[in-house]
């Protein structure tokens, strides 16, 4: 029934012009904001941790804007089967695409890892990049509904995306980087204690996925911060590619993993500070706490 509902919504929305469908997505997201009391509470808690200096009214505005962006994102994903490569080029442009093409084609012993997360329309970023001839290997979490999961993964495959399920991604991620591929490993979600390390995120210790730092240390591959930023309320986006990062080494692996994870987290935080409306605030980012610390949620 869930799968049928998703496909029915897709059919209904995609008969509309994209600009109008985006407004419908905003309306549905606004409704979700009103009724999802639990998620609204999580979002406001996160915003209070991140921006204690801002008023409650300003934090509420950011949360609403973030939810509306999520509604637009869902509409764009439902539209993907209808979009030609030319449509995608109009929707998604790079600040400097020629530099990016040369950078990822440069000769080196490994591929590269993309530092990104649930920011902007992250799925569109991966899809548009693949349709430009640069397919990506992506670590992802399996969706609870197997029918929706299969449908969504088939959609991703149209752009040549190779998927690694999060529960067994370690070997595949290393193989992808060592074979010269581009690997996306979502960086901005809470990690359980045995998979993450605590580093500051907006000044608050956050359990953060250590996989990016570990692979960078083991392979010497660069980490490339890539963020897709929406222009206003439109379906137009700009890809921001920040300077490459290389793992710093002291010889102590445990120290190096924490230090490099902290560096990567700082880059991500800086981008969220610049565009707070584009991040997914309703995730329990600070769920796992250091031993002895009280829970936030």
Protein backbone atom coordinates (compact mmCIF):
# COMPACT_ATOMS: atom_id res chain seq x y z
CA UNK A 1 0.00 0.00 0.00
CA UNK A 2 2.88 2.40 0.77
CA UNK A 3 4.52 1.61 -2.55
CA UNK A 4 1.23 2.10 -4.41
CA UNK A 5 0.75 5.43 -2.66
CA UNK A 6 4.24 6.61 -3.67
CA UNK A 7 3.72 5.62 -7.29
CA UNK A 8 0.28 7.22 -7.29
CA UNK A 9 1.70 10.49 -5.97
CA UNK A 10 4.42 10.28 -8.61
CA UNK A 11 1.85 9.85 -11.37
CA UNK A 12 -0.23 12.75 -10.07
CA UNK A 13 2.67 15.17 -9.63
CA UNK A 14 4.56 14.45 -12.81
CA UNK A 15 1.63 15.42 -15.04
CA UNK A 16 2.12 18.95 -13.68
CA UNK A 17 4.81 21.38 -14.83
CA UNK A 18 7.82 21.02 -12.53
CA UNK A 19 7.50 24.53 -11.07
CA UNK A 20 3.89 23.90 -10.11
CA UNK A 21 4.73 20.44 -8.75
CA UNK A 22 7.35 22.06 -6.51
CA UNK A 23 4.67 24.28 -5.00
CA UNK A 24 2.55 21.18 -4.31
CA UNK A 25 5.58 19.57 -2.67
CA UNK A 26 6.00 22.64 -0.48
CA UNK A 27 2.33 22.46 0.56
CA UNK A 28 2.63 18.79 1.49
CA UNK A 29 5.84 19.50 3.41
CA UNK A 30 4.12 22.35 5.26
CA UNK A 31 1.34 19.94 6.26
CA UNK A 32 3.95 17.44 7.44
CA UNK A 33 5.61 20.19 9.49
CA UNK A 34 2.30 20.91 11.22
CA UNK A 35 1.40 17.31 12.08
CA UNK A 36 4.85 15.77 12.75
CA UNK A 37 5.14 17.06 16.31
CA UNK A 38 7.91 14.63 17.27
CA UNK A 39 10.12 15.55 14.32
CA UNK A 40 9.44 19.24 14.88
CA UNK A 41 10.62 18.83 18.46
CA UNK A 42 13.80 17.05 17.29
CA UNK A 43 14.49 19.80 14.77
CA UNK A 44 14.04 22.57 17.32
CA UNK A 45 16.31 20.73 19.79
CA UNK A 46 19.01 20.42 17.12
CA UNK A 47 18.72 24.08 16.18
CA UNK A 48 18.97 25.14 19.81
CA UNK A 49 22.20 23.13 20.11
CA UNK A 50 23.61 24.52 16.87
CA UNK A 51 22.46 28.14 17.15
CA UNK A 52 21.96 29.03 20.84
CA UNK A 53 22.53 32.68 19.98
CA UNK A 54 19.54 32.83 17.63
CA UNK A 55 15.98 33.48 18.74
CA UNK A 56 13.42 30.70 18.90
CA UNK A 57 11.51 32.46 16.14
CA UNK A 58 14.57 32.38 13.84
CA UNK A 59 15.23 28.71 14.61
CA UNK A 60 11.61 27.90 13.81
CA UNK A 61 11.95 29.74 10.48
CA UNK A 62 15.03 27.66 9.57
CA UNK A 63 13.23 24.43 10.45
CA UNK A 64 10.21 25.34 8.30
CA UNK A 65 12.47 26.27 5.40
CA UNK A 66 14.34 22.96 5.77
CA UNK A 67 11.06 21.02 5.65
CA UNK A 68 9.90 22.90 2.56
CA UNK A 69 13.22 22.09 0.90
CA UNK A 70 12.60 18.43 1.70
CA UNK A 71 9.21 18.67 -0.03
CA UNK A 72 10.83 20.12 -3.15
CA UNK A 73 13.48 17.41 -3.05
CA UNK A 74 10.87 14.63 -3.02
CA UNK A 75 9.13 16.16 -6.04
CA UNK A 76 12.41 16.37 -7.96
CA UNK A 77 13.18 12.73 -7.22
CA UNK A 78 9.77 11.65 -8.45
CA UNK A 79 10.43 13.65 -11.62
CA UNK A 80 13.80 12.03 -12.39
CA UNK A 81 12.47 9.41 -14.86
CA UNK A 82 11.03 12.24 -16.98
CA UNK A 83 14.17 14.36 -17.06
CA UNK A 84 16.51 14.23 -20.03
CA UNK A 85 20.24 14.78 -19.66
CA UNK A 86 19.70 18.28 -21.06
CA UNK A 87 17.04 18.94 -18.42
CA UNK A 88 19.50 17.86 -15.74
CA UNK A 89 22.20 20.16 -17.12
CA UNK A 90 19.80 23.09 -16.89
CA UNK A 91 18.80 22.15 -13.36
CA UNK A 92 22.26 21.36 -11.99
CA UNK A 93 25.34 23.41 -12.82
CA UNK A 94 28.83 23.44 -11.39
CA UNK A 95 30.65 26.53 -10.21
CA UNK A 96 33.54 25.34 -12.40
CA UNK A 97 32.71 22.08 -14.16
CA UNK A 98 35.85 22.04 -16.33
CA UNK A 99 38.08 22.18 -13.25
CA UNK A 100 36.07 19.38 -11.64
CA UNK A 101 36.34 17.16 -14.73
CA UNK A 102 40.10 17.64 -14.79
CA UNK A 103 40.41 17.04 -11.07
CA UNK A 104 38.59 13.71 -11.04
CA UNK A 105 40.39 12.57 -14.20
CA UNK A 106 43.85 13.42 -12.81
CA UNK A 107 46.29 10.52 -12.64
CA UNK A 108 46.74 9.08 -9.16
CA UNK A 109 46.89 5.67 -7.52
CA UNK A 110 43.38 5.83 -6.08
CA UNK A 111 39.97 7.26 -6.67
CA UNK A 112 38.43 9.86 -4.39
CA UNK A 113 35.84 10.10 -1.64
CA UNK A 114 33.07 12.67 -1.64
CA UNK A 115 32.39 14.44 1.64
CA UNK A 116 28.69 15.16 1.66
CA UNK A 117 25.51 14.24 3.46
CA UNK A 118 21.84 15.11 3.80
CA UNK A 119 22.26 18.58 2.44
CA UNK A 120 20.29 20.21 -0.37
CA UNK A 121 19.00 17.57 -2.79
CA UNK A 122 21.80 15.08 -2.18
CA UNK A 123 20.22 12.36 -4.33
CA UNK A 124 19.90 14.71 -7.30
CA UNK A 125 23.58 15.61 -6.93
CA UNK A 126 24.64 11.96 -7.27
CA UNK A 127 22.16 11.30 -10.09
CA UNK A 128 23.11 14.36 -12.16
CA UNK A 129 26.80 13.60 -11.74
CA UNK A 130 26.30 10.05 -12.96
CA UNK A 131 24.30 11.20 -15.98
CA UNK A 132 27.22 13.47 -16.90
CA UNK A 133 29.33 10.35 -17.33
CA UNK A 134 30.85 10.11 -13.85
CA UNK A 135 28.98 7.34 -12.01
CA UNK A 136 29.38 7.09 -8.26
CA UNK A 137 29.56 4.30 -5.70
CA UNK A 138 27.33 5.17 -2.77
CA UNK A 139 26.95 3.69 0.69
CA UNK A 140 23.27 3.73 1.65
CA UNK A 141 20.87 2.49 4.27
CA UNK A 142 18.21 0.04 3.11
CA UNK A 143 14.70 1.51 3.19
CA UNK A 144 12.21 -0.22 5.47
CA UNK A 145 9.74 -0.95 2.67
CA UNK A 146 11.40 -3.46 0.28
CA UNK A 147 9.18 -2.47 -2.68
CA UNK A 148 10.07 1.21 -2.36
CA UNK A 149 13.72 0.27 -1.78
CA UNK A 150 13.88 -1.75 -5.03
CA UNK A 151 12.09 0.99 -7.01
CA UNK A 152 14.36 3.73 -5.65
CA UNK A 153 17.53 1.71 -6.27
CA UNK A 154 16.43 1.02 -9.86
CA UNK A 155 16.03 4.78 -10.27
CA UNK A 156 19.53 5.37 -8.93
CA UNK A 157 20.87 2.74 -11.34
CA UNK A 158 19.74 4.88 -14.31
CA UNK A 159 22.71 7.13 -13.51
CA UNK A 160 25.11 4.21 -13.16
CA UNK A 161 25.20 4.46 -9.36
CA UNK A 162 26.66 1.42 -7.61
CA UNK A 163 25.08 0.85 -4.21
CA UNK A 164 26.77 -0.58 -1.14
CA UNK A 165 24.45 -1.47 1.70
CA UNK A 166 25.62 0.19 4.89
CA UNK A 167 25.55 -3.04 6.89
CA UNK A 168 28.28 -4.63 4.73
CA UNK A 169 29.98 -1.78 2.91
CA UNK A 170 33.53 -1.85 4.29
CA UNK A 171 35.17 -4.15 1.71
CA UNK A 172 33.24 -2.69 -1.22
CA UNK A 173 34.09 0.88 -0.23
CA UNK A 174 37.82 0.14 -0.09
CA UNK A 175 37.65 -1.69 -3.42
CA UNK A 176 35.82 1.22 -5.08
CA UNK A 177 38.43 3.76 -3.96
CA UNK A 178 41.43 1.56 -4.79
CA UNK A 179 40.04 0.90 -8.28
CA UNK A 180 39.84 4.62 -9.05
CA UNK A 181 36.15 5.24 -8.40
CA UNK A 182 34.25 8.02 -6.67
CA UNK A 183 32.80 6.96 -3.32
CA UNK A 184 30.03 8.78 -1.43
CA UNK A 185 29.78 7.83 2.23
CA UNK A 186 27.13 9.93 4.03
CA UNK A 187 28.93 11.71 6.81
CA UNK A 188 26.38 13.73 8.73
CA UNK A 189 24.23 11.19 10.57
CA UNK A 190 24.54 9.86 14.09
CA UNK A 191 26.77 6.80 14.35
CA UNK A 192 26.39 4.06 16.90
CA UNK A 193 29.20 3.97 19.43
CA UNK A 194 31.25 1.16 17.85
CA UNK A 195 31.28 2.79 14.37
CA UNK A 196 31.78 6.43 15.24
CA UNK A 197 34.11 8.77 17.07
CA UNK A 198 33.10 11.85 19.01
CA UNK A 199 34.10 15.12 17.38
CA UNK A 200 32.65 18.62 17.77
CA UNK A 201 29.73 19.52 15.54
CA UNK A 202 28.54 23.06 16.26
CA UNK A 203 30.63 22.82 19.42
CA UNK A 204 28.73 19.78 20.74
CA UNK A 205 30.33 16.28 20.73
CA UNK A 206 28.64 14.21 18.03
CA UNK A 207 29.21 10.54 17.25
CA UNK A 208 30.45 10.73 13.66
CA UNK A 209 31.16 8.03 11.07
CA UNK A 210 34.90 7.30 11.12
CA UNK A 211 34.85 5.43 7.80
CA UNK A 212 35.84 8.41 5.69
CA UNK A 213 38.97 9.07 7.76
CA UNK A 214 39.89 5.38 7.95
CA UNK A 215 39.70 4.88 4.18
CA UNK A 216 41.60 8.11 3.55
CA UNK A 217 44.36 6.98 5.92
CA UNK A 218 44.56 3.48 4.44
CA UNK A 219 44.50 4.45 0.76
CA UNK A 220 45.86 8.00 0.61
CA UNK A 221 42.79 8.96 -1.45
CA UNK A 222 41.67 12.60 -1.36
CA UNK A 223 38.41 13.66 0.27
CA UNK A 224 36.42 16.10 -1.85
CA UNK A 225 33.70 18.23 -0.18
CA UNK A 226 30.76 18.48 -2.62
CA UNK A 227 27.50 20.28 -1.83
CA UNK A 228 24.45 20.91 -3.99
CA UNK A 229 22.87 24.29 -3.12
CA UNK A 230 19.37 25.17 -4.30
CA UNK A 231 18.75 28.61 -5.77
CA UNK A 232 15.79 30.04 -3.86
CA UNK A 233 12.59 28.00 -4.27
CA UNK A 234 13.42 26.91 -7.82
CA UNK A 235 14.52 23.62 -9.37
CA UNK A 236 17.92 25.14 -10.15
CA UNK A 237 20.98 24.07 -8.18
CA UNK A 238 24.68 24.89 -8.03
CA UNK A 239 27.33 22.29 -7.18
CA UNK A 240 29.98 23.68 -4.84
CA UNK A 241 33.22 21.68 -4.95
CA UNK A 242 35.59 22.74 -2.17
CA UNK A 243 39.38 22.18 -2.06
CA UNK A 244 40.56 18.57 -1.79
CA UNK A 245 41.47 17.31 1.68
CA UNK A 246 44.17 14.72 2.38
CA UNK A 247 44.49 12.73 5.57
CA UNK A 248 46.97 14.08 8.09
CA UNK A 249 49.14 11.47 9.81
CA UNK A 250 50.97 11.40 13.13
CA UNK A 251 51.66 7.65 13.15
CA UNK A 252 49.01 6.99 15.81
CA UNK A 253 46.00 5.56 13.94
CA UNK A 254 43.49 6.19 16.73
CA UNK A 255 44.53 9.83 17.05
CA UNK A 256 44.63 10.28 13.27
CA UNK A 257 41.10 8.93 12.78
CA UNK A 258 39.69 11.35 15.34
CA UNK A 259 41.71 14.32 14.09
CA UNK A 260 40.78 13.81 10.43
CA UNK A 261 37.12 13.14 11.22
CA UNK A 262 37.10 16.42 13.12
CA UNK A 263 38.59 18.23 10.10
CA UNK A 264 35.96 16.79 7.78
CA UNK A 265 33.19 17.61 10.24
CA UNK A 266 34.32 21.22 10.42
CA UNK A 267 34.02 21.57 6.65
CA UNK A 268 30.50 20.16 6.77
CA UNK A 269 29.55 22.43 9.67
CA UNK A 270 30.82 25.50 7.83
CA UNK A 271 28.57 24.70 4.88
CA UNK A 272 25.53 24.15 7.12
CA UNK A 273 26.22 27.51 8.80
CA UNK A 274 26.22 29.17 5.37
CA UNK A 275 23.02 27.46 4.23
CA UNK A 276 21.16 26.20 7.32
CA UNK A 277 17.86 25.87 5.44
CA UNK A 278 19.40 23.19 3.21
CA UNK A 279 20.27 20.68 5.94
CA UNK A 280 18.02 17.92 7.34
CA UNK A 281 17.45 19.14 10.90
CA UNK A 282 14.88 16.50 11.90
CA UNK A 283 17.50 13.74 12.21
CA UNK A 284 18.65 12.95 15.78
CA UNK A 285 22.22 14.00 15.04
CA UNK A 286 23.32 14.05 18.68
CA UNK A 287 21.49 10.87 19.73
CA UNK A 288 24.57 8.90 20.87
CA UNK A 289 26.20 10.64 23.81
CA UNK A 290 29.60 10.24 25.48
CA UNK A 291 29.41 7.97 28.50
CA UNK A 292 27.82 9.74 31.44
CA UNK A 293 26.22 12.55 29.40
CA UNK A 294 22.46 13.11 29.44
CA UNK A 295 20.41 12.49 26.31
CA UNK A 296 19.05 15.37 24.26
CA UNK A 297 16.02 13.57 22.81
